[in-house]
């Protein structure tokens, strides 16, 4: 659980840095703005790597805490998506500010700039829709994986229950076998005792007959 918290803290530091740089982009120009955008994109790459680690760690926490951990991770994904939107807005705002300065300087290429801005907005909207679809697909994949994990856990518990029942049946079968052997031994002893009693009776009858015979003689 401590590793999950460490990743969460690292993600918080990254996002805070990204917010600061994104807010500063509209005030920059030229190479400085390009460098700032590059820095933010690098932060996004690191953030996505952290999100993958967070996803893995959230699946390993105890089942009693897994739902809360998964909810936090989904929130981090949403925060990353929001920051990406903010970066695109900052880029558009920077373009707007540049165009405003050009207008103040009497730039005659206003129509061309407006067309570029329109295309940029359209591209931004398409990227946003694509990002939303990817986020939805990723969320569904996570939910499916979590559902599959729960099913596997249930199957594992069922297998353990069946194994315990089978072991108990084996124990009962062994007890029945021992009881059967004991009963067979008792029956054999009863037969042996009957044979012995019959032999003794025959012997006694023979002795009596012989005694009577000798007495009469």
N, C-alpha and C. Protein backbone atom coordinates (compact mmCIF):
# COMPACT_ATOMS: atom_id res chain seq x y z
N UNK A 1 0.84 -1.21 0.00
CA UNK A 1 0.00 0.00 0.00
C UNK A 1 0.87 1.26 0.00
N UNK A 2 2.09 1.20 0.69
CA UNK A 2 2.96 2.37 0.73
C UNK A 2 3.46 2.72 -0.66
N UNK A 3 3.72 1.72 -1.51
CA UNK A 3 4.17 1.99 -2.87
C UNK A 3 3.09 2.74 -3.65
N UNK A 4 1.84 2.39 -3.46
CA UNK A 4 0.74 3.10 -4.12
C UNK A 4 0.73 4.56 -3.67
N UNK A 5 0.92 4.81 -2.39
CA UNK A 5 0.94 6.19 -1.89
C UNK A 5 2.12 6.97 -2.48
N UNK A 6 3.26 6.31 -2.60
CA UNK A 6 4.42 6.99 -3.19
C UNK A 6 4.12 7.42 -4.62
N UNK A 7 3.52 6.52 -5.40
CA UNK A 7 3.17 6.87 -6.78
C UNK A 7 2.17 8.02 -6.82
N UNK A 8 1.22 8.00 -5.89
CA UNK A 8 0.23 9.07 -5.85
C UNK A 8 0.89 10.42 -5.54
N UNK A 9 1.84 10.43 -4.62
CA UNK A 9 2.55 11.68 -4.29
C UNK A 9 3.35 12.17 -5.49
N UNK A 10 4.03 11.24 -6.18
CA UNK A 10 4.78 11.64 -7.37
C UNK A 10 3.85 12.21 -8.43
N UNK A 11 2.68 11.59 -8.59
CA UNK A 11 1.73 12.10 -9.58
C UNK A 11 1.25 13.50 -9.20
N UNK A 12 1.04 13.74 -7.90
CA UNK A 12 0.63 15.06 -7.46
C UNK A 12 1.67 16.12 -7.75
N UNK A 13 2.94 15.78 -7.54
CA UNK A 13 4.02 16.74 -7.83
C UNK A 13 4.08 17.04 -9.32
N UNK A 14 3.95 16.00 -10.15
CA UNK A 14 4.00 16.21 -11.60
C UNK A 14 2.85 17.09 -12.08
N UNK A 15 1.64 16.80 -11.60
CA UNK A 15 0.49 17.58 -12.06
C UNK A 15 0.58 19.04 -11.60
N UNK A 16 1.10 19.25 -10.40
CA UNK A 16 1.26 20.63 -9.94
C UNK A 16 2.25 21.39 -10.82
N UNK A 17 3.34 20.72 -11.19
CA UNK A 17 4.32 21.33 -12.10
C UNK A 17 3.69 21.62 -13.46
N UNK A 18 2.86 20.65 -13.95
CA UNK A 18 2.21 20.84 -15.24
C UNK A 18 1.26 22.03 -15.21
N UNK A 19 0.50 22.19 -14.13
CA UNK A 19 -0.45 23.31 -14.02
C UNK A 19 0.30 24.64 -14.09
N UNK A 20 1.42 24.73 -13.37
CA UNK A 20 2.20 25.97 -13.36
C UNK A 20 2.70 26.33 -14.77
N UNK A 21 3.25 25.33 -15.46
CA UNK A 21 3.79 25.59 -16.79
C UNK A 21 2.69 25.92 -17.80
N UNK A 22 1.55 25.19 -17.70
CA UNK A 22 0.44 25.45 -18.63
C UNK A 22 -0.10 26.87 -18.46
N UNK A 23 -0.25 27.30 -17.22
CA UNK A 23 -0.77 28.65 -16.97
C UNK A 23 0.17 29.73 -17.48
N UNK A 24 1.45 29.40 -17.61
CA UNK A 24 2.43 30.40 -18.04
C UNK A 24 2.60 30.44 -19.56
N UNK A 25 2.09 29.43 -20.28
CA UNK A 25 2.29 29.33 -21.73
C UNK A 25 1.73 30.54 -22.49
N UNK A 26 0.49 31.00 -22.19
CA UNK A 26 -0.04 32.14 -22.97
C UNK A 26 0.81 33.40 -22.86
N UNK A 27 1.62 33.49 -21.79
CA UNK A 27 2.44 34.70 -21.60
C UNK A 27 3.80 34.58 -22.27
N UNK A 28 4.08 33.43 -22.90
CA UNK A 28 5.38 33.22 -23.53
C UNK A 28 5.24 33.32 -25.05
N UNK A 29 6.37 33.39 -25.70
CA UNK A 29 6.35 33.45 -27.16
C UNK A 29 7.62 32.80 -27.70
N UNK A 30 7.55 32.43 -28.97
CA UNK A 30 8.73 31.91 -29.64
C UNK A 30 9.27 30.64 -29.02
N UNK A 31 10.57 30.62 -28.86
CA UNK A 31 11.26 29.43 -28.36
C UNK A 31 10.88 29.12 -26.93
N UNK A 32 10.66 30.16 -26.12
CA UNK A 32 10.28 29.92 -24.73
C UNK A 32 8.96 29.17 -24.64
N UNK A 33 8.00 29.58 -25.48
CA UNK A 33 6.70 28.89 -25.46
C UNK A 33 6.85 27.45 -25.95
N UNK A 34 7.65 27.25 -27.00
CA UNK A 34 7.86 25.89 -27.51
C UNK A 34 8.51 25.00 -26.44
N UNK A 35 9.51 25.56 -25.73
CA UNK A 35 10.17 24.79 -24.67
C UNK A 35 9.20 24.45 -23.54
N UNK A 36 8.33 25.41 -23.20
CA UNK A 36 7.36 25.15 -22.14
C UNK A 36 6.39 24.04 -22.54
N UNK A 37 5.94 24.08 -23.79
CA UNK A 37 5.03 23.04 -24.27
C UNK A 37 5.73 21.68 -24.26
N UNK A 38 6.99 21.66 -24.69
CA UNK A 38 7.76 20.41 -24.67
C UNK A 38 7.89 19.87 -23.25
N UNK A 39 8.15 20.78 -22.29
CA UNK A 39 8.26 20.35 -20.88
C UNK A 39 6.95 19.73 -20.39
N UNK A 40 5.84 20.36 -20.74
CA UNK A 40 4.54 19.84 -20.30
C UNK A 40 4.27 18.47 -20.93
N UNK A 41 4.60 18.33 -22.20
CA UNK A 41 4.39 17.03 -22.86
C UNK A 41 5.27 15.95 -22.22
N UNK A 42 6.48 16.33 -21.82
CA UNK A 42 7.34 15.37 -21.11
C UNK A 42 6.71 14.98 -19.77
N UNK A 43 6.14 15.97 -19.09
CA UNK A 43 5.46 15.68 -17.82
C UNK A 43 4.29 14.72 -18.05
N UNK A 44 3.56 14.92 -19.16
CA UNK A 44 2.45 14.03 -19.48
C UNK A 44 2.94 12.60 -19.69
N UNK A 45 4.09 12.45 -20.36
CA UNK A 45 4.63 11.10 -20.57
C UNK A 45 4.96 10.44 -19.23
N UNK A 46 5.62 11.21 -18.35
CA UNK A 46 5.94 10.66 -17.03
C UNK A 46 4.65 10.36 -16.26
N UNK A 47 3.67 11.25 -16.39
CA UNK A 47 2.40 11.02 -15.71
C UNK A 47 1.70 9.77 -16.20
N UNK A 48 1.72 9.53 -17.51
CA UNK A 48 1.10 8.31 -18.04
C UNK A 48 1.81 7.05 -17.55
N UNK A 49 3.15 7.14 -17.44
CA UNK A 49 3.88 6.00 -16.88
C UNK A 49 3.46 5.75 -15.43
N UNK A 50 3.33 6.83 -14.68
CA UNK A 50 2.88 6.70 -13.28
C UNK A 50 1.47 6.12 -13.20
N UNK A 51 0.60 6.53 -14.11
CA UNK A 51 -0.76 6.02 -14.12
C UNK A 51 -0.77 4.51 -14.36
N UNK A 52 0.11 4.04 -15.24
CA UNK A 52 0.19 2.59 -15.46
C UNK A 52 0.62 1.88 -14.18
N UNK A 53 1.59 2.45 -13.48
CA UNK A 53 2.02 1.85 -12.22
C UNK A 53 0.90 1.90 -11.17
N UNK A 54 0.17 3.01 -11.17
CA UNK A 54 -0.95 3.14 -10.22
C UNK A 54 -2.03 2.09 -10.51
N UNK A 55 -2.29 1.86 -11.80
CA UNK A 55 -3.28 0.84 -12.16
C UNK A 55 -2.86 -0.53 -11.63
N UNK A 56 -1.58 -0.85 -11.82
CA UNK A 56 -1.09 -2.15 -11.37
C UNK A 56 -1.15 -2.27 -9.85
N UNK A 57 -0.71 -1.23 -9.15
CA UNK A 57 -0.70 -1.29 -7.69
C UNK A 57 -2.12 -1.32 -7.12
N UNK A 58 -3.06 -0.62 -7.77
CA UNK A 58 -4.45 -0.60 -7.27
C UNK A 58 -5.08 -1.98 -7.34
N UNK A 59 -4.63 -2.81 -8.30
CA UNK A 59 -5.19 -4.15 -8.41
C UNK A 59 -4.61 -5.11 -7.37
N UNK A 60 -3.49 -4.71 -6.76
CA UNK A 60 -2.82 -5.61 -5.81
C UNK A 60 -3.21 -5.33 -4.36
N UNK A 61 -3.93 -4.24 -4.10
CA UNK A 61 -4.32 -3.95 -2.72
C UNK A 61 -5.38 -4.94 -2.26
N UNK A 62 -5.57 -5.09 -0.94
CA UNK A 62 -6.62 -6.00 -0.44
C UNK A 62 -7.98 -5.65 -1.01
N UNK A 63 -8.83 -6.66 -1.13
CA UNK A 63 -10.14 -6.46 -1.76
C UNK A 63 -10.98 -5.42 -1.03
N UNK A 64 -10.78 -5.28 0.30
CA UNK A 64 -11.56 -4.30 1.06
C UNK A 64 -11.19 -2.87 0.69
N UNK A 65 -9.97 -2.64 0.17
CA UNK A 65 -9.52 -1.30 -0.17
C UNK A 65 -9.44 -1.09 -1.68
N UNK A 66 -9.69 -2.15 -2.47
CA UNK A 66 -9.47 -2.07 -3.91
C UNK A 66 -10.42 -1.07 -4.58
N UNK A 67 -11.67 -1.03 -4.13
CA UNK A 67 -12.64 -0.15 -4.77
C UNK A 67 -12.25 1.32 -4.59
N UNK A 68 -11.84 1.69 -3.37
CA UNK A 68 -11.44 3.08 -3.12
C UNK A 68 -10.18 3.44 -3.90
N UNK A 69 -9.21 2.50 -3.94
CA UNK A 69 -7.98 2.76 -4.68
C UNK A 69 -8.26 2.92 -6.17
N UNK A 70 -9.12 2.06 -6.71
CA UNK A 70 -9.46 2.15 -8.13
C UNK A 70 -10.17 3.47 -8.44
N UNK A 71 -11.02 3.93 -7.51
CA UNK A 71 -11.71 5.21 -7.73
C UNK A 71 -10.72 6.36 -7.76
N UNK A 72 -9.71 6.31 -6.88
CA UNK A 72 -8.70 7.38 -6.89
C UNK A 72 -7.92 7.37 -8.20
N UNK A 73 -7.56 6.19 -8.66
CA UNK A 73 -6.79 6.09 -9.90
C UNK A 73 -7.61 6.61 -11.08
N UNK A 74 -8.92 6.27 -11.11
CA UNK A 74 -9.77 6.82 -12.18
C UNK A 74 -9.78 8.34 -12.12
N UNK A 75 -9.78 8.90 -10.91
CA UNK A 75 -9.72 10.36 -10.77
C UNK A 75 -8.43 10.93 -11.31
N UNK A 76 -7.32 10.19 -11.13
CA UNK A 76 -6.04 10.65 -11.67
C UNK A 76 -6.06 10.63 -13.21
N UNK A 77 -6.70 9.61 -13.78
CA UNK A 77 -6.83 9.58 -15.24
C UNK A 77 -7.64 10.80 -15.73
N UNK A 78 -8.70 11.10 -15.01
CA UNK A 78 -9.52 12.25 -15.40
C UNK A 78 -8.73 13.56 -15.26
N UNK A 79 -7.91 13.63 -14.21
CA UNK A 79 -7.10 14.83 -14.03
C UNK A 79 -6.09 14.98 -15.16
N UNK A 80 -5.49 13.86 -15.59
CA UNK A 80 -4.56 13.92 -16.71
C UNK A 80 -5.26 14.38 -17.98
N UNK A 81 -6.46 13.87 -18.21
CA UNK A 81 -7.23 14.30 -19.38
C UNK A 81 -7.54 15.79 -19.31
N UNK A 82 -7.89 16.27 -18.12
CA UNK A 82 -8.19 17.70 -17.96
C UNK A 82 -6.96 18.55 -18.22
N UNK A 83 -5.79 18.11 -17.76
CA UNK A 83 -4.56 18.86 -18.00
C UNK A 83 -4.23 18.91 -19.49
N UNK A 84 -4.47 17.80 -20.20
CA UNK A 84 -4.24 17.80 -21.64
C UNK A 84 -5.15 18.80 -22.34
N UNK A 85 -6.39 18.88 -21.87
CA UNK A 85 -7.30 19.88 -22.42
C UNK A 85 -6.79 21.29 -22.13
N UNK A 86 -6.31 21.50 -20.89
CA UNK A 86 -5.81 22.82 -20.52
C UNK A 86 -4.61 23.21 -21.37
N UNK A 87 -3.75 22.23 -21.71
CA UNK A 87 -2.60 22.53 -22.56
C UNK A 87 -3.08 23.00 -23.93
N UNK A 88 -4.07 22.29 -24.50
CA UNK A 88 -4.57 22.70 -25.81
C UNK A 88 -5.22 24.09 -25.74
N UNK A 89 -5.95 24.37 -24.66
CA UNK A 89 -6.54 25.70 -24.51
C UNK A 89 -5.45 26.77 -24.40
N UNK A 90 -4.39 26.43 -23.66
CA UNK A 90 -3.29 27.39 -23.50
C UNK A 90 -2.62 27.66 -24.84
N UNK A 91 -2.48 26.62 -25.65
CA UNK A 91 -1.89 26.82 -26.98
C UNK A 91 -2.78 27.71 -27.84
N UNK A 92 -4.08 27.47 -27.77
CA UNK A 92 -5.01 28.31 -28.54
C UNK A 92 -4.99 29.74 -28.02
N UNK A 93 -4.93 29.88 -26.69
CA UNK A 93 -4.89 31.22 -26.11
C UNK A 93 -3.62 31.95 -26.53
N UNK A 94 -2.50 31.21 -26.60
CA UNK A 94 -1.25 31.84 -27.04
C UNK A 94 -1.36 32.32 -28.48
N UNK A 95 -2.01 31.47 -29.31
CA UNK A 95 -2.22 31.88 -30.70
C UNK A 95 -3.10 33.12 -30.77
N UNK A 96 -4.16 33.15 -29.95
CA UNK A 96 -5.06 34.31 -29.93
C UNK A 96 -4.31 35.58 -29.51
N UNK A 97 -3.45 35.45 -28.49
CA UNK A 97 -2.71 36.62 -28.03
C UNK A 97 -1.75 37.10 -29.11
N UNK A 98 -1.11 36.14 -29.81
CA UNK A 98 -0.21 36.54 -30.88
C UNK A 98 -0.97 37.24 -31.99
N UNK A 99 -2.15 36.70 -32.31
CA UNK A 99 -2.96 37.33 -33.36
C UNK A 99 -3.41 38.72 -32.94
N UNK A 100 -3.71 38.85 -31.64
CA UNK A 100 -4.11 40.17 -31.16
C UNK A 100 -3.01 41.20 -31.30
N UNK A 101 -1.79 40.75 -30.98
CA UNK A 101 -0.67 41.68 -31.14
C UNK A 101 -0.46 42.04 -32.61
N UNK A 102 -0.63 41.02 -33.48
CA UNK A 102 -0.47 41.29 -34.91
C UNK A 102 -1.53 42.27 -35.41
N UNK A 103 -2.75 42.16 -34.87
CA UNK A 103 -3.81 43.10 -35.27
C UNK A 103 -3.48 44.51 -34.82
N UNK A 104 -2.94 44.62 -33.59
CA UNK A 104 -2.57 45.95 -33.11
C UNK A 104 -1.46 46.55 -33.95
N UNK A 105 -0.61 45.70 -34.50
CA UNK A 105 0.48 46.18 -35.35
C UNK A 105 0.05 46.38 -36.79
N UNK A 106 -1.23 46.16 -37.10
CA UNK A 106 -1.73 46.38 -38.45
C UNK A 106 -1.46 45.23 -39.39
N UNK A 107 -1.46 44.00 -38.84
CA UNK A 107 -1.24 42.84 -39.71
C UNK A 107 -2.41 42.72 -40.67
N UNK A 108 -2.09 42.65 -41.98
CA UNK A 108 -3.14 42.57 -42.99
C UNK A 108 -3.55 41.14 -43.29
N UNK A 109 -2.92 40.18 -42.62
CA UNK A 109 -3.23 38.78 -42.93
C UNK A 109 -4.22 38.23 -41.91
N UNK A 110 -5.22 39.03 -41.51
CA UNK A 110 -6.16 38.67 -40.47
C UNK A 110 -7.00 37.45 -40.87
N UNK A 111 -7.46 37.45 -42.12
CA UNK A 111 -8.33 36.36 -42.56
C UNK A 111 -7.60 35.02 -42.51
N UNK A 112 -6.34 35.03 -42.95
CA UNK A 112 -5.55 33.80 -42.90
C UNK A 112 -5.38 33.32 -41.46
N UNK A 113 -5.14 34.24 -40.55
CA UNK A 113 -4.98 33.86 -39.14
C UNK A 113 -6.27 33.30 -38.58
N UNK A 114 -7.39 33.91 -38.97
CA UNK A 114 -8.68 33.42 -38.50
C UNK A 114 -8.93 32.01 -39.01
N UNK A 115 -8.58 31.77 -40.28
CA UNK A 115 -8.74 30.42 -40.82
C UNK A 115 -7.87 29.42 -40.06
N UNK A 116 -6.64 29.81 -39.77
CA UNK A 116 -5.76 28.92 -39.03
C UNK A 116 -6.31 28.64 -37.64
N UNK A 117 -6.84 29.69 -37.02
CA UNK A 117 -7.42 29.50 -35.68
C UNK A 117 -8.61 28.56 -35.75
N UNK A 118 -9.44 28.72 -36.79
CA UNK A 118 -10.60 27.83 -36.94
C UNK A 118 -10.16 26.38 -37.12
N UNK A 119 -9.16 26.20 -38.00
CA UNK A 119 -8.66 24.83 -38.19
C UNK A 119 -8.07 24.26 -36.91
N UNK A 120 -7.37 25.11 -36.17
CA UNK A 120 -6.79 24.66 -34.91
C UNK A 120 -7.87 24.24 -33.92
N UNK A 121 -8.93 25.03 -33.85
CA UNK A 121 -10.03 24.68 -32.95
C UNK A 121 -10.71 23.38 -33.38
N UNK A 122 -10.89 23.22 -34.70
CA UNK A 122 -11.49 21.99 -35.19
C UNK A 122 -10.61 20.78 -34.88
N UNK A 123 -9.31 20.95 -35.10
CA UNK A 123 -8.40 19.86 -34.78
C UNK A 123 -8.41 19.55 -33.28
N UNK A 124 -8.48 20.61 -32.48
CA UNK A 124 -8.54 20.42 -31.04
C UNK A 124 -9.80 19.66 -30.64
N UNK A 125 -10.92 20.00 -31.26
CA UNK A 125 -12.18 19.31 -30.95
C UNK A 125 -12.11 17.84 -31.35
N UNK A 126 -11.52 17.57 -32.54
CA UNK A 126 -11.38 16.18 -32.96
C UNK A 126 -10.48 15.40 -32.01
N UNK A 127 -9.37 16.04 -31.61
CA UNK A 127 -8.48 15.38 -30.65
C UNK A 127 -9.19 15.11 -29.33
N UNK A 128 -10.03 16.05 -28.91
CA UNK A 128 -10.76 15.86 -27.66
C UNK A 128 -11.72 14.68 -27.76
N UNK A 129 -12.43 14.59 -28.88
CA UNK A 129 -13.36 13.48 -29.05
C UNK A 129 -12.61 12.14 -29.07
N UNK A 130 -11.48 12.12 -29.77
CA UNK A 130 -10.67 10.90 -29.80
C UNK A 130 -10.17 10.54 -28.42
N UNK A 131 -9.72 11.55 -27.67
CA UNK A 131 -9.24 11.31 -26.31
C UNK A 131 -10.35 10.77 -25.42
N UNK A 132 -11.57 11.33 -25.58
CA UNK A 132 -12.69 10.84 -24.79
C UNK A 132 -13.01 9.38 -25.10
N UNK A 133 -12.95 9.04 -26.40
CA UNK A 133 -13.22 7.64 -26.76
C UNK A 133 -12.15 6.71 -26.20
N UNK A 134 -10.90 7.16 -26.25
CA UNK A 134 -9.82 6.34 -25.68
C UNK A 134 -9.99 6.17 -24.18
N UNK A 135 -10.36 7.27 -23.50
CA UNK A 135 -10.57 7.19 -22.05
C UNK A 135 -11.70 6.24 -21.72
N UNK A 136 -12.78 6.30 -22.49
CA UNK A 136 -13.92 5.41 -22.25
C UNK A 136 -13.52 3.95 -22.49
N UNK A 137 -12.77 3.72 -23.57
CA UNK A 137 -12.32 2.35 -23.84
C UNK A 137 -11.41 1.84 -22.74
N UNK A 138 -10.52 2.72 -22.27
CA UNK A 138 -9.61 2.31 -21.20
C UNK A 138 -10.38 2.01 -19.92
N UNK A 139 -11.38 2.83 -19.60
CA UNK A 139 -12.18 2.60 -18.40
C UNK A 139 -12.93 1.27 -18.49
N UNK A 140 -13.49 0.99 -19.66
CA UNK A 140 -14.21 -0.27 -19.84
C UNK A 140 -13.26 -1.46 -19.72
N UNK A 141 -12.04 -1.29 -20.24
CA UNK A 141 -11.07 -2.38 -20.13
C UNK A 141 -10.71 -2.64 -18.68
N UNK A 142 -10.55 -1.56 -17.89
CA UNK A 142 -10.24 -1.74 -16.47
C UNK A 142 -11.39 -2.42 -15.74
N UNK A 143 -12.62 -2.00 -16.05
CA UNK A 143 -13.77 -2.62 -15.40
C UNK A 143 -13.88 -4.09 -15.77
N UNK A 144 -13.63 -4.41 -17.05
CA UNK A 144 -13.69 -5.81 -17.48
C UNK A 144 -12.62 -6.64 -16.78
N UNK A 145 -11.43 -6.05 -16.66
CA UNK A 145 -10.35 -6.78 -15.99
C UNK A 145 -10.68 -7.00 -14.52
N UNK A 146 -11.25 -5.99 -13.87
CA UNK A 146 -11.62 -6.15 -12.46
C UNK A 146 -12.72 -7.20 -12.30
N UNK A 147 -13.69 -7.20 -13.23
CA UNK A 147 -14.75 -8.21 -13.19
C UNK A 147 -14.15 -9.60 -13.39
N UNK A 148 -13.22 -9.73 -14.34
CA UNK A 148 -12.57 -11.02 -14.55
C UNK A 148 -11.80 -11.48 -13.33
N UNK A 149 -11.14 -10.53 -12.64
CA UNK A 149 -10.41 -10.89 -11.43
C UNK A 149 -11.36 -11.39 -10.34
N UNK A 150 -12.52 -10.72 -10.20
CA UNK A 150 -13.50 -11.16 -9.20
C UNK A 150 -14.01 -12.56 -9.54
N UNK A 151 -14.25 -12.83 -10.82
CA UNK A 151 -14.72 -14.16 -11.22
C UNK A 151 -13.67 -15.21 -10.91
N UNK A 152 -12.40 -14.89 -11.19
CA UNK A 152 -11.33 -15.83 -10.89
C UNK A 152 -11.23 -16.09 -9.39
N UNK A 153 -11.41 -15.03 -8.58
CA UNK A 153 -11.39 -15.21 -7.12
C UNK A 153 -12.52 -16.13 -6.68
N UNK A 154 -13.71 -15.93 -7.25
CA UNK A 154 -14.85 -16.79 -6.89
C UNK A 154 -14.59 -18.24 -7.29
N UNK A 155 -14.03 -18.43 -8.49
CA UNK A 155 -13.72 -19.79 -8.94
C UNK A 155 -12.68 -20.43 -8.04
N UNK A 156 -11.71 -19.63 -7.59
CA UNK A 156 -10.69 -20.18 -6.70
C UNK A 156 -11.30 -20.61 -5.37
N UNK A 157 -12.20 -19.79 -4.84
CA UNK A 157 -12.87 -20.17 -3.59
C UNK A 157 -13.73 -21.41 -3.78
N UNK A 158 -14.43 -21.49 -4.91
CA UNK A 158 -15.24 -22.69 -5.17
C UNK A 158 -14.36 -23.93 -5.27
N UNK A 159 -13.21 -23.80 -5.91
CA UNK A 159 -12.31 -24.95 -6.04
C UNK A 159 -11.82 -25.40 -4.67
N UNK A 160 -11.49 -24.42 -3.79
CA UNK A 160 -11.06 -24.79 -2.44
C UNK A 160 -12.18 -25.49 -1.69
N UNK A 161 -13.43 -25.02 -1.86
CA UNK A 161 -14.55 -25.68 -1.18
C UNK A 161 -14.72 -27.10 -1.68
N UNK A 162 -14.64 -27.31 -3.00
CA UNK A 162 -14.77 -28.65 -3.56
C UNK A 162 -13.63 -29.55 -3.08
N UNK A 163 -12.43 -29.00 -3.00
CA UNK A 163 -11.29 -29.80 -2.54
C UNK A 163 -11.48 -30.23 -1.09
N UNK A 164 -11.96 -29.31 -0.25
CA UNK A 164 -12.20 -29.69 1.15
C UNK A 164 -13.30 -30.75 1.26
N UNK A 165 -14.36 -30.61 0.46
CA UNK A 165 -15.44 -31.60 0.49
C UNK A 165 -14.92 -32.97 0.03
N UNK A 166 -14.06 -32.96 -1.02
CA UNK A 166 -13.51 -34.23 -1.51
C UNK A 166 -12.62 -34.87 -0.44
N UNK A 167 -11.83 -34.05 0.27
CA UNK A 167 -10.99 -34.61 1.34
C UNK A 167 -11.84 -35.20 2.45
N UNK A 168 -12.95 -34.51 2.79
CA UNK A 168 -13.83 -35.08 3.83
C UNK A 168 -14.44 -36.40 3.38
N UNK A 169 -14.84 -36.48 2.10
CA UNK A 169 -15.40 -37.73 1.59
C UNK A 169 -14.37 -38.86 1.62
N UNK A 170 -13.13 -38.53 1.32
CA UNK A 170 -12.08 -39.54 1.40
C UNK A 170 -11.92 -40.03 2.84
N UNK A 171 -11.97 -39.09 3.80
CA UNK A 171 -11.87 -39.48 5.20
C UNK A 171 -13.02 -40.38 5.62
N UNK A 172 -14.23 -40.03 5.16
CA UNK A 172 -15.40 -40.87 5.48
C UNK A 172 -15.25 -42.25 4.86
N UNK A 173 -14.75 -42.30 3.62
CA UNK A 173 -14.56 -43.59 2.95
C UNK A 173 -13.55 -44.44 3.69
N UNK A 174 -12.46 -43.81 4.16
CA UNK A 174 -11.48 -44.57 4.93
C UNK A 174 -12.08 -45.09 6.24
N UNK A 175 -12.89 -44.25 6.91
CA UNK A 175 -13.54 -44.70 8.15
C UNK A 175 -14.48 -45.87 7.88
N UNK A 176 -15.22 -45.77 6.76
CA UNK A 176 -16.12 -46.87 6.42
C UNK A 176 -15.34 -48.16 6.14
N UNK A 177 -14.18 -48.02 5.48
CA UNK A 177 -13.35 -49.20 5.20
C UNK A 177 -12.87 -49.85 6.48
N UNK A 178 -12.41 -49.02 7.43
CA UNK A 178 -11.97 -49.59 8.71
C UNK A 178 -13.13 -50.24 9.46
N UNK A 179 -14.29 -49.59 9.41
CA UNK A 179 -15.45 -50.17 10.09
C UNK A 179 -15.83 -51.50 9.45
N UNK A 180 -15.75 -51.58 8.13
CA UNK A 180 -16.10 -52.82 7.42
C UNK A 180 -15.13 -53.94 7.78
N UNK A 181 -13.84 -53.62 7.86
CA UNK A 181 -12.86 -54.64 8.24
C UNK A 181 -13.10 -55.11 9.67
N UNK A 182 -13.41 -54.17 10.57
CA UNK A 182 -13.69 -54.56 11.96
C UNK A 182 -14.90 -55.46 12.05
N UNK A 183 -15.97 -55.11 11.29
CA UNK A 183 -17.19 -55.93 11.31
C UNK A 183 -16.92 -57.32 10.75
N UNK A 184 -16.15 -57.40 9.67
CA UNK A 184 -15.82 -58.72 9.11
C UNK A 184 -15.04 -59.56 10.11
N UNK A 185 -14.12 -58.92 10.85
CA UNK A 185 -13.37 -59.65 11.87
C UNK A 185 -14.28 -60.18 12.97
N UNK A 186 -15.25 -59.35 13.37
CA UNK A 186 -16.20 -59.78 14.40
C UNK A 186 -17.04 -60.96 13.91
N UNK A 187 -17.46 -60.92 12.65
CA UNK A 187 -18.27 -62.02 12.10
C UNK A 187 -17.44 -63.31 12.07
N UNK A 188 -16.17 -63.19 11.66
CA UNK A 188 -15.32 -64.39 11.63
C UNK A 188 -15.16 -64.99 13.03
N UNK A 189 -14.98 -64.08 14.02
CA UNK A 189 -14.84 -64.60 15.39
C UNK A 189 -16.12 -65.27 15.87
N UNK A 190 -17.28 -64.73 15.45
CA UNK A 190 -18.56 -65.37 15.83
C UNK A 190 -18.65 -66.76 15.23
N UNK A 191 -18.28 -66.90 13.95
CA UNK A 191 -18.30 -68.22 13.31
C UNK A 191 -17.33 -69.17 13.99
N UNK A 192 -16.14 -68.66 14.33
CA UNK A 192 -15.16 -69.51 15.01
C UNK A 192 -15.70 -69.98 16.36
N UNK A 193 -16.33 -69.03 17.07
CA UNK A 193 -16.89 -69.41 18.38
C UNK A 193 -17.99 -70.46 18.23
N UNK A 194 -18.80 -70.32 17.19
CA UNK A 194 -19.86 -71.30 16.96
C UNK A 194 -19.27 -72.70 16.67
N UNK A 195 -18.21 -72.71 15.86
CA UNK A 195 -17.56 -73.99 15.56
C UNK A 195 -17.00 -74.62 16.83
N UNK A 196 -16.37 -73.78 17.64
CA UNK A 196 -15.79 -74.29 18.88
C UNK A 196 -16.88 -74.83 19.80
N UNK A 197 -17.99 -74.08 19.92
CA UNK A 197 -19.10 -74.53 20.77
C UNK A 197 -19.69 -75.85 20.27
N UNK A 198 -19.85 -75.93 18.93
CA UNK A 198 -20.38 -77.17 18.36
C UNK A 198 -19.44 -78.34 18.62
N UNK A 199 -18.16 -78.11 18.48
CA UNK A 199 -17.18 -79.17 18.74
C UNK A 199 -17.23 -79.61 20.20
N UNK A 200 -17.31 -78.63 21.07
CA UNK A 200 -17.38 -78.97 22.50
C UNK A 200 -18.65 -79.76 22.81
N UNK A 201 -19.77 -79.36 22.18
CA UNK A 201 -21.03 -80.09 22.40
C UNK A 201 -20.92 -81.53 21.91
N UNK A 202 -20.36 -81.68 20.71
CA UNK A 202 -20.19 -83.04 20.17
C UNK A 202 -19.28 -83.86 21.06
N UNK A 203 -18.21 -83.24 21.56
CA UNK A 203 -17.29 -83.95 22.43
C UNK A 203 -17.97 -84.37 23.73
N UNK A 204 -18.78 -83.45 24.27
CA UNK A 204 -19.49 -83.78 25.52
C UNK A 204 -20.50 -84.89 25.30
N UNK A 205 -21.21 -84.85 24.17
CA UNK A 205 -22.18 -85.91 23.88
C UNK A 205 -21.46 -87.25 23.73
N UNK A 206 -20.28 -87.23 23.06
CA UNK A 206 -19.52 -88.48 22.92
C UNK A 206 -19.06 -89.02 24.26
N UNK A 207 -18.64 -88.14 25.14
CA UNK A 207 -18.20 -88.56 26.47
C UNK A 207 -19.37 -89.17 27.25
N UNK A 208 -20.53 -88.49 27.16
CA UNK A 208 -21.71 -89.00 27.87
C UNK A 208 -22.11 -90.37 27.35
N UNK A 209 -22.11 -90.47 26.00
CA UNK A 209 -22.49 -91.77 25.40
C UNK A 209 -21.53 -92.87 25.85
N UNK A 210 -20.23 -92.55 25.82
CA UNK A 210 -19.25 -93.54 26.24
C UNK A 210 -19.41 -93.88 27.72
N UNK A 211 -19.73 -92.87 28.51
CA UNK A 211 -19.92 -93.14 29.95
C UNK A 211 -21.11 -94.05 30.18
N UNK A 212 -22.19 -93.77 29.45
CA UNK A 212 -23.39 -94.62 29.61
C UNK A 212 -23.08 -96.04 29.14
N UNK A 213 -22.33 -96.13 28.02
CA UNK A 213 -22.00 -97.46 27.46
C UNK A 213 -21.20 -98.28 28.46
N UNK A 214 -20.17 -97.70 29.03
CA UNK A 214 -19.33 -98.43 29.97
C UNK A 214 -20.13 -98.71 31.26
N UNK A 215 -21.00 -97.81 31.62
CA UNK A 215 -21.78 -98.06 32.86
C UNK A 215 -22.72 -99.22 32.65
N UNK A 216 -23.35 -99.28 31.53
CA UNK A 216 -24.30 -100.39 31.26
C UNK A 216 -23.55 -101.70 31.12
N UNK A 217 -22.39 -101.65 30.50
CA UNK A 217 -21.60 -102.85 30.32
C UNK A 217 -21.07 -103.36 31.64
